[in-house]
Amino acid sequence: MIDAVFRQFGEDARWAGGDVVRVRRKVLDSMDDVAELNLISRREELRVRQSEVASPARGDVVALVDADGVATGEEWTVSGEPVLDRNRVWHMPFRVTAEAGV
């Protein structure tokens, strides 16, 4: 099931200058109550299967590639510690370091 999700919804990316892997970006919303205010915060995380990247690390650069393996110009940098879930998928915060066409 996990492999099918990555196949269907993932994007090809070159991980840390190495192999092309399949990654997923996920937007997560959380609600926090501060005093009498309900605040909604949004964050994005990057996901990659452990079978493709054994040990991602803070500072790894991930570059999106097209179907031919050519960089699109969009790059992200892992900005926090990766966490491995029970399905063997790494979850990690990232920041955009280059945008396509900019």
Protein backbone atom coordinates (compact mmCIF):
# COMPACT_ATOMS: atom_id res chain seq x y z
CA MET A 1 0.00 0.00 0.00
CA ILE A 2 2.77 2.46 0.92
CA ASP A 3 4.58 1.78 -2.36
CA ALA A 4 1.37 2.45 -4.31
CA VAL A 5 0.88 5.78 -2.53
CA PHE A 6 4.43 6.87 -3.37
CA ARG A 7 4.01 5.72 -6.98
CA GLN A 8 0.74 7.59 -7.39
CA PHE A 9 1.35 10.75 -5.39
CA GLY A 10 5.12 11.01 -5.11
CA GLU A 11 7.61 13.09 -7.04
CA ASP A 12 11.03 12.09 -8.38
CA ALA A 13 13.94 13.75 -6.63
CA ARG A 14 17.72 13.37 -6.42
CA TRP A 15 18.65 12.85 -2.77
CA ALA A 16 21.89 14.50 -1.62
CA GLY A 17 23.36 14.37 -5.14
CA GLY A 18 22.93 10.60 -5.33
CA ASP A 19 20.19 8.36 -6.61
CA VAL A 20 16.76 9.43 -7.81
CA VAL A 21 14.11 8.47 -5.24
CA ARG A 22 10.38 9.00 -4.85
CA VAL A 23 9.38 11.63 -2.25
CA ARG A 24 6.10 13.04 -0.98
CA ARG A 25 5.39 16.48 0.43
CA LYS A 26 2.67 16.62 3.05
CA VAL A 27 0.96 19.70 4.49
CA LEU A 28 -0.04 19.30 8.12
CA ASP A 29 -2.36 21.61 10.04
CA SER A 30 -2.52 21.74 13.81
CA MET A 31 -4.86 23.63 16.09
CA ASP A 32 -3.61 25.28 19.25
CA ASP A 33 -5.60 27.10 21.88
CA VAL A 34 -3.91 30.20 23.24
CA ALA A 35 -6.01 31.95 25.86
CA GLU A 36 -9.38 32.17 24.08
CA LEU A 37 -7.94 32.07 20.58
CA ASN A 38 -7.92 29.05 18.31
CA LEU A 39 -4.78 29.21 16.19
CA ILE A 40 -4.22 27.03 13.17
CA SER A 41 -0.62 26.53 12.15
CA ARG A 42 0.54 24.90 8.97
CA ARG A 43 3.78 23.09 8.30
CA GLU A 44 5.09 20.94 5.53
CA GLU A 45 7.08 17.78 5.83
CA LEU A 46 8.97 15.65 3.38
CA ARG A 47 8.50 11.89 3.30
CA VAL A 48 10.73 9.22 1.79
CA ARG A 49 10.75 5.44 2.15
CA GLN A 50 13.59 3.90 4.17
CA SER A 51 14.08 1.41 1.33
CA GLU A 52 15.22 4.33 -0.87
CA VAL A 53 17.07 6.49 1.69
CA ALA A 54 18.50 4.49 4.57
CA SER A 55 19.44 7.40 6.82
CA PRO A 56 18.43 10.91 5.80
CA ALA A 57 20.05 13.71 7.78
CA ARG A 58 19.56 17.36 8.61
CA GLY A 59 21.23 19.37 5.85
CA ASP A 60 20.58 16.85 3.04
CA VAL A 61 19.66 18.63 -0.20
CA VAL A 62 16.80 17.18 -2.24
CA ALA A 63 16.40 18.32 -5.86
CA LEU A 64 13.24 17.63 -7.85
CA VAL A 65 13.87 16.03 -11.24
CA ASP A 66 11.71 15.52 -14.30
CA ALA A 67 10.92 12.18 -15.98
CA ASP A 68 14.34 12.24 -17.68
CA GLY A 69 16.18 12.77 -14.39
CA VAL A 70 16.99 16.42 -15.17
CA ALA A 71 16.81 18.86 -12.26
CA THR A 72 13.78 21.17 -12.40
CA GLY A 73 15.46 23.89 -10.33
CA GLU A 74 13.39 23.25 -7.21
CA GLU A 75 15.46 22.23 -4.19
CA TRP A 76 14.74 21.63 -0.52
CA THR A 77 17.02 21.19 2.46
CA VAL A 78 16.12 18.90 5.35
CA SER A 79 15.83 21.30 8.30
CA GLY A 80 15.17 18.96 11.23
CA GLU A 81 15.74 15.49 12.52
CA PRO A 82 14.09 12.75 10.42
CA VAL A 83 11.71 10.41 12.26
CA LEU A 84 11.01 6.87 11.05
CA ASP A 85 7.41 5.66 11.38
CA ARG A 86 6.16 2.08 11.76
CA ASN A 87 5.66 1.79 7.97
CA ARG A 88 9.36 2.49 7.39
CA VAL A 89 8.72 5.97 6.01
CA TRP A 90 10.94 8.87 7.08
CA HIS A 91 9.17 12.15 8.00
CA MET A 92 11.19 15.35 8.21
CA PRO A 93 10.76 19.11 8.11
CA PHE A 94 12.34 20.94 5.19
CA ARG A 95 12.84 24.41 3.82
CA VAL A 96 12.79 25.51 0.20
CA THR A 97 16.28 26.54 -0.91
CA ALA A 98 15.60 27.05 -4.63
CA GLU A 99 12.40 27.42 -6.62
CA ALA A 100 11.89 26.34 -10.21
CA GLY A 101 12.02 29.22 -12.67
CA VAL A 102 13.39 31.73 -10.14
